[in-house]
Amino acid sequence: MPEFKPEEIKNAILDAMPEAEVEVEDTAGDGNHFQANVTAEEFIGKSLIEQHKMVYKALEGMDVHALGLKTCTP
């Protein structure tokens, strides 16, 4: 299983949503369990599921084992 740094996940999200505010924490310290908080104008008018799909699409190709995700609008 690949290990990631929080910055790698944050940068992948920012590549897809450059104006977003993104915080990523490695919750277990093992490079496999993360909590991401994403605030983006792109989420306005989108359901929570649609918001999460947007973030997961940004992480496509990264095999992140466990990601807790909180999304919101500014």
N, C-alpha and C. Protein backbone atom coordinates (compact mmCIF):
# COMPACT_ATOMS: atom_id res chain seq x y z
N MET A 1 0.85 -1.18 0.00
CA MET A 1 0.00 0.00 0.00
C MET A 1 0.90 1.25 0.00
N PRO A 2 0.66 2.17 -0.93
CA PRO A 2 1.51 3.37 -0.98
C PRO A 2 1.24 4.27 0.22
N GLU A 3 2.28 5.00 0.60
CA GLU A 3 2.14 5.99 1.66
C GLU A 3 2.20 7.38 1.04
N PHE A 4 1.45 8.29 1.61
CA PHE A 4 1.41 9.66 1.11
C PHE A 4 1.71 10.63 2.23
N LYS A 5 2.10 11.83 1.83
CA LYS A 5 2.27 12.94 2.75
C LYS A 5 1.04 13.82 2.59
N PRO A 6 0.61 14.47 3.67
CA PRO A 6 -0.56 15.36 3.56
C PRO A 6 -0.44 16.38 2.44
N GLU A 7 0.79 16.88 2.20
CA GLU A 7 0.99 17.88 1.16
C GLU A 7 0.67 17.33 -0.23
N GLU A 8 0.93 16.04 -0.45
CA GLU A 8 0.63 15.43 -1.76
C GLU A 8 -0.87 15.41 -2.02
N ILE A 9 -1.63 15.09 -0.99
CA ILE A 9 -3.08 15.06 -1.13
C ILE A 9 -3.61 16.48 -1.31
N LYS A 10 -3.10 17.39 -0.49
CA LYS A 10 -3.51 18.79 -0.60
C LYS A 10 -3.23 19.34 -1.99
N ASN A 11 -2.04 19.07 -2.52
CA ASN A 11 -1.67 19.58 -3.84
C ASN A 11 -2.53 18.99 -4.94
N ALA A 12 -2.90 17.72 -4.82
CA ALA A 12 -3.77 17.10 -5.83
C ALA A 12 -5.14 17.78 -5.84
N ILE A 13 -5.65 18.08 -4.67
CA ILE A 13 -6.95 18.77 -4.58
C ILE A 13 -6.83 20.19 -5.15
N LEU A 14 -5.76 20.88 -4.79
CA LEU A 14 -5.57 22.25 -5.29
C LEU A 14 -5.33 22.30 -6.79
N ASP A 15 -4.75 21.25 -7.36
CA ASP A 15 -4.59 21.20 -8.82
C ASP A 15 -5.95 21.22 -9.51
N ALA A 16 -6.92 20.54 -8.90
CA ALA A 16 -8.28 20.47 -9.48
C ALA A 16 -9.12 21.68 -9.10
N MET A 17 -8.87 22.23 -7.92
CA MET A 17 -9.65 23.37 -7.42
C MET A 17 -8.69 24.41 -6.84
N PRO A 18 -8.04 25.19 -7.70
CA PRO A 18 -6.99 26.11 -7.25
C PRO A 18 -7.42 27.16 -6.23
N GLU A 19 -8.69 27.53 -6.22
CA GLU A 19 -9.16 28.56 -5.31
C GLU A 19 -9.62 28.00 -3.96
N ALA A 20 -9.58 26.70 -3.80
CA ALA A 20 -10.09 26.07 -2.58
C ALA A 20 -9.14 26.31 -1.40
N GLU A 21 -9.72 26.26 -0.22
CA GLU A 21 -8.93 26.23 1.02
C GLU A 21 -8.90 24.77 1.44
N VAL A 22 -7.70 24.22 1.60
CA VAL A 22 -7.55 22.79 1.86
C VAL A 22 -6.64 22.56 3.05
N GLU A 23 -7.11 21.76 3.98
CA GLU A 23 -6.29 21.32 5.11
C GLU A 23 -6.32 19.79 5.11
N VAL A 24 -5.15 19.18 5.20
CA VAL A 24 -5.06 17.72 5.24
C VAL A 24 -4.18 17.32 6.41
N GLU A 25 -4.67 16.37 7.20
CA GLU A 25 -3.94 15.88 8.36
C GLU A 25 -3.78 14.37 8.26
N ASP A 26 -2.59 13.89 8.56
CA ASP A 26 -2.33 12.45 8.64
C ASP A 26 -2.75 12.03 10.05
N THR A 27 -3.94 11.46 10.18
CA THR A 27 -4.53 11.22 11.49
C THR A 27 -3.89 10.08 12.28
N ALA A 28 -3.26 9.14 11.58
CA ALA A 28 -2.64 8.01 12.27
C ALA A 28 -1.12 8.07 12.22
N GLY A 29 -0.58 9.02 11.47
CA GLY A 29 0.86 9.14 11.36
C GLY A 29 1.49 8.05 10.53
N ASP A 30 0.68 7.37 9.71
CA ASP A 30 1.19 6.24 8.95
C ASP A 30 1.20 6.46 7.44
N GLY A 31 0.81 7.65 6.98
CA GLY A 31 0.79 7.92 5.55
C GLY A 31 -0.36 7.26 4.81
N ASN A 32 -1.34 6.75 5.55
CA ASN A 32 -2.46 6.05 4.93
C ASN A 32 -3.84 6.49 5.42
N HIS A 33 -3.91 7.21 6.52
CA HIS A 33 -5.19 7.63 7.09
C HIS A 33 -5.17 9.16 7.22
N PHE A 34 -6.14 9.79 6.55
CA PHE A 34 -6.13 11.24 6.48
C PHE A 34 -7.51 11.83 6.78
N GLN A 35 -7.48 13.08 7.21
CA GLN A 35 -8.68 13.90 7.33
C GLN A 35 -8.43 15.11 6.45
N ALA A 36 -9.34 15.36 5.52
CA ALA A 36 -9.23 16.53 4.64
C ALA A 36 -10.44 17.42 4.84
N ASN A 37 -10.19 18.71 4.99
CA ASN A 37 -11.23 19.72 5.08
C ASN A 37 -11.06 20.63 3.87
N VAL A 38 -12.11 20.70 3.05
CA VAL A 38 -12.02 21.46 1.80
C VAL A 38 -13.17 22.46 1.74
N THR A 39 -12.81 23.73 1.57
CA THR A 39 -13.79 24.80 1.40
C THR A 39 -13.58 25.37 0.01
N ALA A 40 -14.67 25.36 -0.80
CA ALA A 40 -14.51 25.82 -2.18
C ALA A 40 -15.80 26.43 -2.71
N GLU A 41 -15.66 27.49 -3.48
CA GLU A 41 -16.82 28.10 -4.14
C GLU A 41 -17.43 27.15 -5.15
N GLU A 42 -16.61 26.24 -5.71
CA GLU A 42 -17.11 25.27 -6.69
C GLU A 42 -18.21 24.39 -6.09
N PHE A 43 -18.29 24.32 -4.77
CA PHE A 43 -19.28 23.49 -4.10
C PHE A 43 -20.65 24.16 -4.00
N ILE A 44 -20.72 25.46 -4.27
CA ILE A 44 -22.00 26.17 -4.15
C ILE A 44 -23.03 25.55 -5.08
N GLY A 45 -24.19 25.21 -4.52
CA GLY A 45 -25.27 24.62 -5.29
C GLY A 45 -25.15 23.12 -5.49
N LYS A 46 -24.08 22.52 -4.96
CA LYS A 46 -23.87 21.08 -5.11
C LYS A 46 -24.27 20.36 -3.82
N SER A 47 -24.78 19.14 -3.97
CA SER A 47 -25.10 18.34 -2.79
C SER A 47 -23.80 17.88 -2.14
N LEU A 48 -23.88 17.40 -0.92
CA LEU A 48 -22.71 16.90 -0.21
C LEU A 48 -22.05 15.76 -0.99
N ILE A 49 -22.86 14.89 -1.55
CA ILE A 49 -22.32 13.77 -2.34
C ILE A 49 -21.57 14.29 -3.56
N GLU A 50 -22.14 15.28 -4.24
CA GLU A 50 -21.47 15.86 -5.41
C GLU A 50 -20.15 16.53 -5.01
N GLN A 51 -20.15 17.20 -3.87
CA GLN A 51 -18.93 17.84 -3.38
C GLN A 51 -17.84 16.79 -3.13
N HIS A 52 -18.21 15.71 -2.48
CA HIS A 52 -17.24 14.65 -2.17
C HIS A 52 -16.73 13.99 -3.45
N LYS A 53 -17.61 13.80 -4.42
CA LYS A 53 -17.20 13.21 -5.70
C LYS A 53 -16.17 14.10 -6.39
N MET A 54 -16.33 15.42 -6.26
CA MET A 54 -15.37 16.34 -6.87
C MET A 54 -13.99 16.17 -6.25
N VAL A 55 -13.95 15.99 -4.94
CA VAL A 55 -12.66 15.80 -4.26
C VAL A 55 -12.06 14.45 -4.63
N TYR A 56 -12.87 13.40 -4.61
CA TYR A 56 -12.36 12.07 -4.97
C TYR A 56 -11.86 12.04 -6.41
N LYS A 57 -12.51 12.79 -7.30
CA LYS A 57 -12.05 12.85 -8.69
C LYS A 57 -10.67 13.51 -8.74
N ALA A 58 -10.45 14.50 -7.90
CA ALA A 58 -9.14 15.16 -7.85
C ALA A 58 -8.05 14.20 -7.38
N LEU A 59 -8.44 13.19 -6.62
CA LEU A 59 -7.48 12.22 -6.08
C LEU A 59 -7.41 10.94 -6.92
N GLU A 60 -8.08 10.95 -8.06
CA GLU A 60 -8.10 9.80 -8.95
C GLU A 60 -6.67 9.38 -9.27
N GLY A 61 -6.40 8.09 -9.17
CA GLY A 61 -5.07 7.58 -9.44
C GLY A 61 -4.20 7.47 -8.20
N MET A 62 -4.62 8.12 -7.12
CA MET A 62 -3.90 7.99 -5.85
C MET A 62 -4.65 6.94 -5.03
N ASP A 63 -3.96 5.97 -4.53
CA ASP A 63 -4.59 4.91 -3.76
C ASP A 63 -4.57 5.27 -2.27
N VAL A 64 -5.36 6.29 -1.91
CA VAL A 64 -5.44 6.72 -0.52
C VAL A 64 -6.31 5.72 0.23
N HIS A 65 -5.75 5.12 1.26
CA HIS A 65 -6.43 4.03 1.98
C HIS A 65 -7.67 4.51 2.72
N ALA A 66 -7.53 5.54 3.51
CA ALA A 66 -8.66 6.02 4.30
C ALA A 66 -8.64 7.55 4.32
N LEU A 67 -9.76 8.13 3.93
CA LEU A 67 -9.85 9.60 3.88
C LEU A 67 -11.16 10.03 4.50
N GLY A 68 -11.05 10.71 5.63
CA GLY A 68 -12.20 11.40 6.20
C GLY A 68 -12.32 12.72 5.47
N LEU A 69 -13.51 13.10 5.08
CA LEU A 69 -13.66 14.27 4.24
C LEU A 69 -14.77 15.17 4.75
N LYS A 70 -14.44 16.44 4.90
CA LYS A 70 -15.44 17.45 5.25
C LYS A 70 -15.36 18.52 4.18
N THR A 71 -16.48 18.79 3.53
CA THR A 71 -16.52 19.82 2.49
C THR A 71 -17.55 20.88 2.88
N CYS A 72 -17.27 22.11 2.46
CA CYS A 72 -18.23 23.19 2.71
C CYS A 72 -17.96 24.34 1.75
N THR A 73 -18.91 25.26 1.71
CA THR A 73 -18.78 26.46 0.88
C THR A 73 -18.27 27.59 1.76
N PRO A 74 -17.64 28.58 1.13
CA PRO A 74 -17.13 29.72 1.92
C PRO A 74 -18.25 30.54 2.51
